């Protein structure tokens, strides 16, 4: 039964049979191990499962967060071994929403590599099937994880592709019309901007700290087609004359994982 199995045991048991699951392909095995290591890091440091652990003093928080982010990047690059242990946390403490958050929020914070996100989703699919095959989840629990994984994976991949093309578009100066180049900005807005309007290749954003919509922001049609209503951009916007342009861009998050605070009834993100 699931209450007799710990989450760490479920991961360790799966890792032990990776040579069989991946027919001794060392590259695939390493990728699967890294995926589960990063999943453990997410659950420990960013999910709601370990909130009772003592946090560092507030004065030391920025240093702790910087070190953690560096560790995440090293994990994604395969440069370090993870030192994470989920302890005695029971397997049934894991919720499908943790999978949604991991793929559709946490991974997108760390990478815009759509192929890597797909690969990690494939690993989680195998892990979910492995757990179900051992009877550690009831049928309803198993289906919940399968449904969430199928829902979040394609939208996370789309968001990763969107973030990557936007990065190159913004850094190349593509968002600045020729008549505005060289002119000074009159103001800036930065933060998490939610797409609230999609029309005529232009976006309108709502920011938590702004009482008015920001936009329109015009994009080339191929990029515009990747955007969906409710997407949240980690973005800096600048106003030149009467035109808003993207000055800098970070991750893009799909609406299914990033909702307004007053709407949010899922898991608490620690960040």
C-alpha atoms as a PDB file:
ATOM      1  CA  UNK A   1       0.000   0.000   0.000  1.00  0.00           C
ATOM      2  CA  UNK A   2       1.096   3.564  -0.661  1.00  0.00           C
ATOM      3  CA  UNK A   3       1.187   4.471   3.052  1.00  0.00           C
ATOM      4  CA  UNK A   4       3.854   1.799   3.610  1.00  0.00           C
ATOM      5  CA  UNK A   5       6.092   3.107   0.853  1.00  0.00           C
ATOM      6  CA  UNK A   6       8.209   6.229   1.127  1.00  0.00           C
ATOM      7  CA  UNK A   7       8.764   8.612  -1.748  1.00  0.00           C
ATOM      8  CA  UNK A   8      12.520   8.104  -1.477  1.00  0.00           C
ATOM      9  CA  UNK A   9      12.089   4.327  -1.733  1.00  0.00           C
ATOM     10  CA  UNK A  10       9.925   4.751  -4.829  1.00  0.00           C
ATOM     11  CA  UNK A  11      12.682   6.823  -6.447  1.00  0.00           C
ATOM     12  CA  UNK A  12      15.517   4.526  -5.339  1.00  0.00           C
ATOM     13  CA  UNK A  13      13.719   1.401  -6.548  1.00  0.00           C
ATOM     14  CA  UNK A  14      13.128   2.971  -9.940  1.00  0.00           C
ATOM     15  CA  UNK A  15      16.738   4.131 -10.244  1.00  0.00           C
ATOM     16  CA  UNK A  16      17.994   0.620  -9.477  1.00  0.00           C
ATOM     17  CA  UNK A  17      16.168  -0.808 -12.490  1.00  0.00           C
ATOM     18  CA  UNK A  18      17.121   1.965 -14.917  1.00  0.00           C
ATOM     19  CA  UNK A  19      19.650  -0.236 -16.791  1.00  0.00           C
ATOM     20  CA  UNK A  20      16.754  -2.550 -17.618  1.00  0.00           C
ATOM     21  CA  UNK A  21      14.257   0.202 -18.450  1.00  0.00           C
ATOM     22  CA  UNK A  22      16.745   1.961 -20.740  1.00  0.00           C
ATOM     23  CA  UNK A  23      18.568  -1.124 -22.016  1.00  0.00           C
ATOM     24  CA  UNK A  24      21.868   0.024 -20.463  1.00  0.00           C
ATOM     25  CA  UNK A  25      21.924   3.247 -22.507  1.00  0.00           C
ATOM     26  CA  UNK A  26      24.211   5.332 -20.294  1.00  0.00           C
ATOM     27  CA  UNK A  27      23.022   8.684 -21.657  1.00  0.00           C
ATOM     28  CA  UNK A  28      19.343   7.887 -21.020  1.00  0.00           C
ATOM     29  CA  UNK A  29      20.137   6.475 -17.573  1.00  0.00           C
ATOM     30  CA  UNK A  30      22.060   9.599 -16.601  1.00  0.00           C
ATOM     31  CA  UNK A  31      19.225  11.803 -17.846  1.00  0.00           C
ATOM     32  CA  UNK A  32      16.675   9.854 -15.809  1.00  0.00           C
ATOM     33  CA  UNK A  33      18.819  10.050 -12.666  1.00  0.00           C
ATOM     34  CA  UNK A  34      19.267  13.792 -13.097  1.00  0.00           C
ATOM     35  CA  UNK A  35      15.529  14.293 -13.583  1.00  0.00           C
ATOM     36  CA  UNK A  36      14.708  12.529 -10.324  1.00  0.00           C
ATOM     37  CA  UNK A  37      17.495  14.350  -8.485  1.00  0.00           C
ATOM     38  CA  UNK A  38      16.069  17.694  -9.603  1.00  0.00           C
ATOM     39  CA  UNK A  39      12.566  16.535  -8.696  1.00  0.00           C
ATOM     40  CA  UNK A  40      13.795  15.769  -5.160  1.00  0.00           C
ATOM     41  CA  UNK A  41      15.446  19.191  -4.947  1.00  0.00           C
ATOM     42  CA  UNK A  42      12.202  20.857  -6.038  1.00  0.00           C
ATOM     43  CA  UNK A  43      10.157  18.918  -3.481  1.00  0.00           C
ATOM     44  CA  UNK A  44      12.563  19.743  -0.649  1.00  0.00           C
ATOM     45  CA  UNK A  45      13.219  23.402  -1.362  1.00  0.00           C
ATOM     46  CA  UNK A  46      10.234  24.715  -3.319  1.00  0.00           C
ATOM     47  CA  UNK A  47       7.162  22.572  -2.638  1.00  0.00           C
ATOM     48  CA  UNK A  48       4.840  22.593   0.360  1.00  0.00           C
ATOM     49  CA  UNK A  49       6.086  19.223   1.638  1.00  0.00           C
ATOM     50  CA  UNK A  50       8.927  20.492   3.824  1.00  0.00           C
ATOM     51  CA  UNK A  51       7.618  23.818   5.086  1.00  0.00           C
ATOM     52  CA  UNK A  52       8.247  22.851   8.698  1.00  0.00           C
ATOM     53  CA  UNK A  53      11.992  22.740   8.182  1.00  0.00           C
ATOM     54  CA  UNK A  54      13.912  25.631   9.711  1.00  0.00           C
ATOM     55  CA  UNK A  55      14.718  28.338   7.201  1.00  0.00           C
ATOM     56  CA  UNK A  56      17.863  30.432   7.232  1.00  0.00           C
ATOM     57  CA  UNK A  57      17.724  33.862   8.820  1.00  0.00           C
ATOM     58  CA  UNK A  58      16.159  36.466   6.537  1.00  0.00           C
ATOM     59  CA  UNK A  59      19.490  38.276   6.217  1.00  0.00           C
ATOM     60  CA  UNK A  60      21.038  35.106   4.781  1.00  0.00           C
ATOM     61  CA  UNK A  61      18.122  34.207   2.484  1.00  0.00           C
ATOM     62  CA  UNK A  62      19.447  35.859  -0.687  1.00  0.00           C
ATOM     63  CA  UNK A  63      22.774  34.063  -0.319  1.00  0.00           C
ATOM     64  CA  UNK A  64      20.973  30.749   0.280  1.00  0.00           C
ATOM     65  CA  UNK A  65      18.729  31.268  -2.739  1.00  0.00           C
ATOM     66  CA  UNK A  66      21.663  32.219  -4.974  1.00  0.00           C
ATOM     67  CA  UNK A  67      23.531  29.089  -3.938  1.00  0.00           C
ATOM     68  CA  UNK A  68      20.477  26.928  -4.579  1.00  0.00           C
ATOM     69  CA  UNK A  69      19.904  28.403  -8.027  1.00  0.00           C
ATOM     70  CA  UNK A  70      23.544  27.755  -8.935  1.00  0.00           C
ATOM     71  CA  UNK A  71      23.177  24.182  -7.741  1.00  0.00           C
ATOM     72  CA  UNK A  72      20.090  23.731  -9.918  1.00  0.00           C
ATOM     73  CA  UNK A  73      21.957  24.943 -12.996  1.00  0.00           C
ATOM     74  CA  UNK A  74      24.850  22.589 -12.246  1.00  0.00           C
ATOM     75  CA  UNK A  75      22.396  19.726 -11.910  1.00  0.00           C
ATOM     76  CA  UNK A  76      20.826  20.557 -15.265  1.00  0.00           C
ATOM     77  CA  UNK A  77      24.303  20.651 -16.825  1.00  0.00           C
ATOM     78  CA  UNK A  78      25.187  17.317 -15.222  1.00  0.00           C
ATOM     79  CA  UNK A  79      28.185  18.822 -13.413  1.00  0.00           C
ATOM     80  CA  UNK A  80      27.433  17.678  -9.869  1.00  0.00           C
ATOM     81  CA  UNK A  81      25.889  14.845  -7.934  1.00  0.00           C
ATOM     82  CA  UNK A  82      22.798  15.802  -5.959  1.00  0.00           C
ATOM     83  CA  UNK A  83      22.810  15.361  -2.211  1.00  0.00           C
ATOM     84  CA  UNK A  84      19.110  15.165  -1.491  1.00  0.00           C
ATOM     85  CA  UNK A  85      17.098  12.772   0.632  1.00  0.00           C
ATOM     86  CA  UNK A  86      13.353  12.872   1.019  1.00  0.00           C
ATOM     87  CA  UNK A  87      13.635  10.988   4.287  1.00  0.00           C
ATOM     88  CA  UNK A  88      10.562   9.159   5.526  1.00  0.00           C
ATOM     89  CA  UNK A  89       8.082  11.230   3.531  1.00  0.00           C
ATOM     90  CA  UNK A  90       5.334   8.788   2.472  1.00  0.00           C
ATOM     91  CA  UNK A  91       4.684   8.252  -1.206  1.00  0.00           C
ATOM     92  CA  UNK A  92       1.053   9.265  -0.811  1.00  0.00           C
ATOM     93  CA  UNK A  93       2.188  12.757   0.243  1.00  0.00           C
ATOM     94  CA  UNK A  94       3.032  13.358  -3.413  1.00  0.00           C
ATOM     95  CA  UNK A  95       0.166  15.015  -5.255  1.00  0.00           C
ATOM     96  CA  UNK A  96      -0.366  15.292  -9.036  1.00  0.00           C
ATOM     97  CA  UNK A  97      -0.141  19.060  -8.563  1.00  0.00           C
ATOM     98  CA  UNK A  98       3.501  18.619  -7.552  1.00  0.00           C
ATOM     99  CA  UNK A  99       4.128  17.106 -10.990  1.00  0.00           C
ATOM    100  CA  UNK A 100       2.298  20.010 -12.621  1.00  0.00           C
ATOM    101  CA  UNK A 101       4.384  22.521 -10.672  1.00  0.00           C
ATOM    102  CA  UNK A 102       7.654  20.699 -11.336  1.00  0.00           C
ATOM    103  CA  UNK A 103       7.252  20.559 -15.116  1.00  0.00           C
ATOM    104  CA  UNK A 104       5.192  23.681 -15.752  1.00  0.00           C
ATOM    105  CA  UNK A 105       6.845  26.018 -13.262  1.00  0.00           C
ATOM    106  CA  UNK A 106      10.108  24.824 -11.735  1.00  0.00           C
ATOM    107  CA  UNK A 107      11.743  23.429 -14.885  1.00  0.00           C
ATOM    108  CA  UNK A 108      10.705  26.506 -16.838  1.00  0.00           C
ATOM    109  CA  UNK A 109      12.484  28.672 -14.265  1.00  0.00           C
ATOM    110  CA  UNK A 110      15.693  26.799 -14.984  1.00  0.00           C
ATOM    111  CA  UNK A 111      15.656  26.013 -18.701  1.00  0.00           C
ATOM    112  CA  UNK A 112      13.999  26.894 -22.010  1.00  0.00           C
ATOM    113  CA  UNK A 113      15.212  23.636 -23.582  1.00  0.00           C
ATOM    114  CA  UNK A 114      11.974  22.110 -24.872  1.00  0.00           C
ATOM    115  CA  UNK A 115      13.650  18.801 -25.708  1.00  0.00           C
ATOM    116  CA  UNK A 116      14.979  18.475 -22.162  1.00  0.00           C
ATOM    117  CA  UNK A 117      11.545  19.162 -20.694  1.00  0.00           C
ATOM    118  CA  UNK A 118      10.056  16.480 -22.949  1.00  0.00           C
ATOM    119  CA  UNK A 119      12.785  14.047 -21.895  1.00  0.00           C
ATOM    120  CA  UNK A 120      12.120  14.688 -18.200  1.00  0.00           C
ATOM    121  CA  UNK A 121       8.381  14.258 -18.763  1.00  0.00           C
ATOM    122  CA  UNK A 122       9.134  10.900 -20.375  1.00  0.00           C
ATOM    123  CA  UNK A 123      11.160   9.900 -17.308  1.00  0.00           C
ATOM    124  CA  UNK A 124       8.308  10.846 -14.996  1.00  0.00           C
ATOM    125  CA  UNK A 125       5.906   8.854 -17.165  1.00  0.00           C
ATOM    126  CA  UNK A 126       8.095   5.769 -16.768  1.00  0.00           C
ATOM    127  CA  UNK A 127       8.374   6.382 -13.027  1.00  0.00           C
ATOM    128  CA  UNK A 128       4.607   6.743 -12.673  1.00  0.00           C
ATOM    129  CA  UNK A 129       4.083   3.491 -14.590  1.00  0.00           C
ATOM    130  CA  UNK A 130       6.709   1.807 -12.397  1.00  0.00           C
ATOM    131  CA  UNK A 131       4.931   2.883  -9.192  1.00  0.00           C
ATOM    132  CA  UNK A 132       1.563   1.769 -10.541  1.00  0.00           C
ATOM    133  CA  UNK A 133       3.000  -1.538 -11.675  1.00  0.00           C
ATOM    134  CA  UNK A 134       4.123  -2.275  -8.112  1.00  0.00           C
ATOM    135  CA  UNK A 135       0.672  -1.523  -6.736  1.00  0.00           C
ATOM    136  CA  UNK A 136       1.861   1.430  -4.627  1.00  0.00           C
ATOM    137  CA  UNK A 137      -0.952   3.652  -5.928  1.00  0.00           C
ATOM    138  CA  UNK A 138      -4.626   2.959  -6.253  1.00  0.00           C
ATOM    139  CA  UNK A 139      -6.078   3.245  -9.734  1.00  0.00           C
ATOM    140  CA  UNK A 140      -7.555   6.685  -9.074  1.00  0.00           C
ATOM    141  CA  UNK A 141      -4.241   8.044  -7.789  1.00  0.00           C
ATOM    142  CA  UNK A 142      -2.403   6.656 -10.799  1.00  0.00           C
ATOM    143  CA  UNK A 143      -4.866   8.182 -13.276  1.00  0.00           C
ATOM    144  CA  UNK A 144      -4.551  11.558 -11.555  1.00  0.00           C
ATOM    145  CA  UNK A 145      -0.817  11.639 -12.197  1.00  0.00           C
ATOM    146  CA  UNK A 146      -1.206  10.422 -15.785  1.00  0.00           C
ATOM    147  CA  UNK A 147      -3.805  13.096 -16.562  1.00  0.00           C
ATOM    148  CA  UNK A 148      -1.777  15.943 -15.079  1.00  0.00           C
ATOM    149  CA  UNK A 149       1.374  14.846 -16.901  1.00  0.00           C
ATOM    150  CA  UNK A 150      -0.482  14.677 -20.217  1.00  0.00           C
ATOM    151  CA  UNK A 151      -1.971  18.123 -19.599  1.00  0.00           C
ATOM    152  CA  UNK A 152       1.089  20.051 -18.464  1.00  0.00           C
ATOM    153  CA  UNK A 153       3.814  18.614 -20.710  1.00  0.00           C
ATOM    154  CA  UNK A 154       2.741  20.085 -24.076  1.00  0.00           C
ATOM    155  CA  UNK A 155       1.950  23.501 -22.628  1.00  0.00           C
ATOM    156  CA  UNK A 156       5.292  23.605 -20.779  1.00  0.00           C
ATOM    157  CA  UNK A 157       7.106  22.695 -23.998  1.00  0.00           C
ATOM    158  CA  UNK A 158       5.257  25.470 -25.830  1.00  0.00           C
ATOM    159  CA  UNK A 159       6.163  27.968 -23.091  1.00  0.00           C
ATOM    160  CA  UNK A 160       9.822  26.914 -23.241  1.00  0.00           C
ATOM    161  CA  UNK A 161       9.926  27.423 -27.007  1.00  0.00           C
ATOM    162  CA  UNK A 162       8.214  30.774 -26.627  1.00  0.00           C
ATOM    163  CA  UNK A 163      10.711  31.921 -23.992  1.00  0.00           C
ATOM    164  CA  UNK A 164      13.633  30.903 -26.174  1.00  0.00           C
ATOM    165  CA  UNK A 165      12.485  32.716 -29.318  1.00  0.00           C
ATOM    166  CA  UNK A 166      11.485  35.782 -27.283  1.00  0.00           C
ATOM    167  CA  UNK A 167      14.946  35.876 -25.730  1.00  0.00           C
ATOM    168  CA  UNK A 168      16.598  36.054 -29.156  1.00  0.00           C
ATOM    169  CA  UNK A 169      13.962  38.476 -30.461  1.00  0.00           C
ATOM    170  CA  UNK A 170      14.448  40.895 -27.551  1.00  0.00           C
ATOM    171  CA  UNK A 171      18.230  40.642 -27.399  1.00  0.00           C
ATOM    172  CA  UNK A 172      18.484  41.328 -31.132  1.00  0.00           C
ATOM    173  CA  UNK A 173      16.491  44.531 -30.723  1.00  0.00           C
ATOM    174  CA  UNK A 174      13.627  43.150 -32.771  1.00  0.00           C
ATOM    175  CA  UNK A 175      11.023  44.655 -30.475  1.00  0.00           C
ATOM    176  CA  UNK A 176      12.049  48.255 -31.098  1.00  0.00           C
ATOM    177  CA  UNK A 177      10.537  49.989 -34.155  1.00  0.00           C
ATOM    178  CA  UNK A 178      13.148  51.863 -36.263  1.00  0.00           C
ATOM    179  CA  UNK A 179      11.579  55.280 -35.544  1.00  0.00           C
ATOM    180  CA  UNK A 180      12.115  54.751 -31.791  1.00  0.00           C
ATOM    181  CA  UNK A 181      15.724  53.572 -31.826  1.00  0.00           C
ATOM    182  CA  UNK A 182      17.950  55.965 -29.957  1.00  0.00           C
ATOM    183  CA  UNK A 183      15.068  57.588 -28.094  1.00  0.00           C
ATOM    184  CA  UNK A 184      14.957  57.488 -24.318  1.00  0.00           C
ATOM    185  CA  UNK A 185      12.500  55.461 -22.281  1.00  0.00           C
ATOM    186  CA  UNK A 186      10.012  57.439 -20.224  1.00  0.00           C
ATOM    187  CA  UNK A 187       9.229  54.611 -17.782  1.00  0.00           C
ATOM    188  CA  UNK A 188       9.747  50.922 -17.085  1.00  0.00           C
ATOM    189  CA  UNK A 189       7.592  48.118 -15.704  1.00  0.00           C
ATOM    190  CA  UNK A 190       8.995  44.774 -14.653  1.00  0.00           C
ATOM    191  CA  UNK A 191       7.734  41.633 -12.987  1.00  0.00           C
ATOM    192  CA  UNK A 192       5.296  38.896 -13.898  1.00  0.00           C
ATOM    193  CA  UNK A 193       3.004  40.126 -16.640  1.00  0.00           C
ATOM    194  CA  UNK A 194      -0.077  38.066 -17.445  1.00  0.00           C
ATOM    195  CA  UNK A 195      -1.309  38.096 -21.058  1.00  0.00           C
ATOM    196  CA  UNK A 196      -4.908  39.341 -20.926  1.00  0.00           C
ATOM    197  CA  UNK A 197      -5.456  40.160 -24.595  1.00  0.00           C
ATOM    198  CA  UNK A 198      -4.298  38.677 -27.910  1.00  0.00           C
ATOM    199  CA  UNK A 199      -5.268  40.653 -30.993  1.00  0.00           C
ATOM    200  CA  UNK A 200      -3.637  41.690 -34.278  1.00  0.00           C
ATOM    201  CA  UNK A 201      -0.225  40.225 -33.334  1.00  0.00           C
ATOM    202  CA  UNK A 202      -0.229  42.367 -30.175  1.00  0.00           C
ATOM    203  CA  UNK A 203      -0.339  41.499 -26.466  1.00  0.00           C
ATOM    204  CA  UNK A 204      -1.785  43.337 -23.488  1.00  0.00           C
ATOM    205  CA  UNK A 205      -0.397  42.566 -20.015  1.00  0.00           C
ATOM    206  CA  UNK A 206      -1.630  42.881 -16.469  1.00  0.00           C
ATOM    207  CA  UNK A 207       1.022  43.298 -13.766  1.00  0.00           C
ATOM    208  CA  UNK A 208       0.270  42.750 -10.085  1.00  0.00           C
ATOM    209  CA  UNK A 209       1.679  46.170  -9.195  1.00  0.00           C
ATOM    210  CA  UNK A 210      -0.075  48.108 -11.975  1.00  0.00           C
ATOM    211  CA  UNK A 211      -3.632  49.410 -12.060  1.00  0.00           C
ATOM    212  CA  UNK A 212      -3.695  49.577 -15.859  1.00  0.00           C
ATOM    213  CA  UNK A 213      -2.992  47.225 -18.707  1.00  0.00           C
ATOM    214  CA  UNK A 214       0.433  47.499 -20.300  1.00  0.00           C
ATOM    215  CA  UNK A 215       0.545  47.343 -24.073  1.00  0.00           C
ATOM    216  CA  UNK A 216      -0.037  46.750 -26.831  1.00  0.00           C
ATOM    217  CA  UNK A 217       3.237  44.918 -27.457  1.00  0.00           C
ATOM    218  CA  UNK A 218       3.537  43.862 -31.080  1.00  0.00           C
ATOM    219  CA  UNK A 219       5.259  40.577 -31.962  1.00  0.00           C
ATOM    220  CA  UNK A 220       6.090  38.894 -35.279  1.00  0.00           C
ATOM    221  CA  UNK A 221       3.267  36.547 -36.231  1.00  0.00           C
ATOM    222  CA  UNK A 222       5.277  33.282 -35.794  1.00  0.00           C
ATOM    223  CA  UNK A 223       6.091  34.287 -32.192  1.00  0.00           C
ATOM    224  CA  UNK A 224       2.587  35.639 -31.554  1.00  0.00           C
ATOM    225  CA  UNK A 225       1.118  32.259 -32.506  1.00  0.00           C
ATOM    226  CA  UNK A 226       3.038  30.591 -29.644  1.00  0.00           C
ATOM    227  CA  UNK A 227       1.409  32.831 -27.015  1.00  0.00           C
ATOM    228  CA  UNK A 228      -1.757  31.773 -25.198  1.00  0.00           C
ATOM    229  CA  UNK A 229      -4.134  33.833 -23.103  1.00  0.00           C
ATOM    230  CA  UNK A 230      -3.111  33.711 -19.442  1.00  0.00           C
ATOM    231  CA  UNK A 231       0.586  33.076 -20.088  1.00  0.00           C
ATOM    232  CA  UNK A 232       2.782  34.855 -17.552  1.00  0.00           C
ATOM    233  CA  UNK A 233       5.985  36.498 -18.777  1.00  0.00           C
ATOM    234  CA  UNK A 234       8.883  37.306 -16.470  1.00  0.00           C
ATOM    235  CA  UNK A 235       9.580  40.502 -18.355  1.00  0.00           C
ATOM    236  CA  UNK A 236      10.819  44.081 -18.235  1.00  0.00           C
ATOM    237  CA  UNK A 237       8.884  46.558 -20.377  1.00  0.00           C
ATOM    238  CA  UNK A 238       9.896  50.049 -21.426  1.00  0.00           C
ATOM    239  CA  UNK A 239       7.801  52.901 -22.817  1.00  0.00           C
ATOM    240  CA  UNK A 240       9.281  54.914 -25.697  1.00  0.00           C
ATOM    241  CA  UNK A 241       6.998  57.718 -26.840  1.00  0.00           C
ATOM    242  CA  UNK A 242       3.671  55.885 -26.821  1.00  0.00           C
ATOM    243  CA  UNK A 243       5.033  52.411 -27.645  1.00  0.00           C
ATOM    244  CA  UNK A 244       5.692  49.616 -25.130  1.00  0.00           C
ATOM    245  CA  UNK A 245       8.591  47.308 -26.006  1.00  0.00           C
ATOM    246  CA  UNK A 246      10.184  44.359 -24.247  1.00  0.00           C
ATOM    247  CA  UNK A 247      13.525  45.356 -22.766  1.00  0.00           C
ATOM    248  CA  UNK A 248      14.377  42.005 -21.206  1.00  0.00           C
ATOM    249  CA  UNK A 249      12.680  38.617 -20.961  1.00  0.00           C
ATOM    250  CA  UNK A 250      13.031  35.614 -18.690  1.00  0.00           C
ATOM    251  CA  UNK A 251      10.891  32.487 -18.320  1.00  0.00           C
ATOM    252  CA  UNK A 252       7.351  32.198 -19.623  1.00  0.00           C
ATOM    253  CA  UNK A 253       4.855  30.217 -17.547  1.00  0.00           C
ATOM    254  CA  UNK A 254       1.590  28.711 -18.821  1.00  0.00           C
ATOM    255  CA  UNK A 255      -1.684  29.736 -17.215  1.00  0.00           C
ATOM    256  CA  UNK A 256      -2.313  26.215 -15.893  1.00  0.00           C
ATOM    257  CA  UNK A 257       0.422  26.638 -13.262  1.00  0.00           C
ATOM    258  CA  UNK A 258       0.530  30.371 -12.674  1.00  0.00           C
ATOM    259  CA  UNK A 259      -2.728  31.872 -11.455  1.00  0.00           C
ATOM    260  CA  UNK A 260      -3.727  35.018  -9.633  1.00  0.00           C
ATOM    261  CA  UNK A 261      -3.087  34.848  -5.881  1.00  0.00           C
ATOM    262  CA  UNK A 262      -6.767  35.217  -5.028  1.00  0.00           C
ATOM    263  CA  UNK A 263      -7.623  32.354  -7.403  1.00  0.00           C
ATOM    264  CA  UNK A 264      -4.902  29.984  -6.288  1.00  0.00           C
ATOM    265  CA  UNK A 265      -6.122  26.957  -4.363  1.00  0.00           C
ATOM    266  CA  UNK A 266      -3.345  24.534  -5.207  1.00  0.00           C
ATOM    267  CA  UNK A 267       0.095  24.030  -3.717  1.00  0.00           C
ATOM    268  CA  UNK A 268       2.139  26.831  -2.232  1.00  0.00           C
ATOM    269  CA  UNK A 269       5.292  27.721  -4.121  1.00  0.00           C
ATOM    270  CA  UNK A 270       8.262  28.667  -1.978  1.00  0.00           C
ATOM    271  CA  UNK A 271      10.387  31.141  -3.867  1.00  0.00           C
END
